[in-house]
């Protein structure tokens, strides 16, 4: 467990440093906690590429990862993820994922002034 904790701290720092390349090396990690941390970190990098790399995480086997990916898409206003968010918001098997995705989707649909 300590190894995972250290790695999730590293991932958080990579997100703050906007280091997309290093994060992408861990996006397919077998540990749910690592993919969760990557999904959250991608929400700190407001680029088109970051949003594109959230798309596979919307289909992750872990509901926590799908929810974190949805939240991150909303944080960076990844318009190119809008249809994926809509599917999560209305059709995901997990109610908590649907709620988070709906919030992110609604946030995207609301114009910011």
Foldseek 3Di string as FASTA:
>chain_A
DVVLVVLLVVLQVCLQVLVLVVLVVQCPPPDPSSVLSSLQSLLSHQDLVSLVSLLVQCVDPDLSSVLSNLLSCLSSLNVVCLVSLVCQLPPNPDPVSVVSSVVSNVSSVDDDD
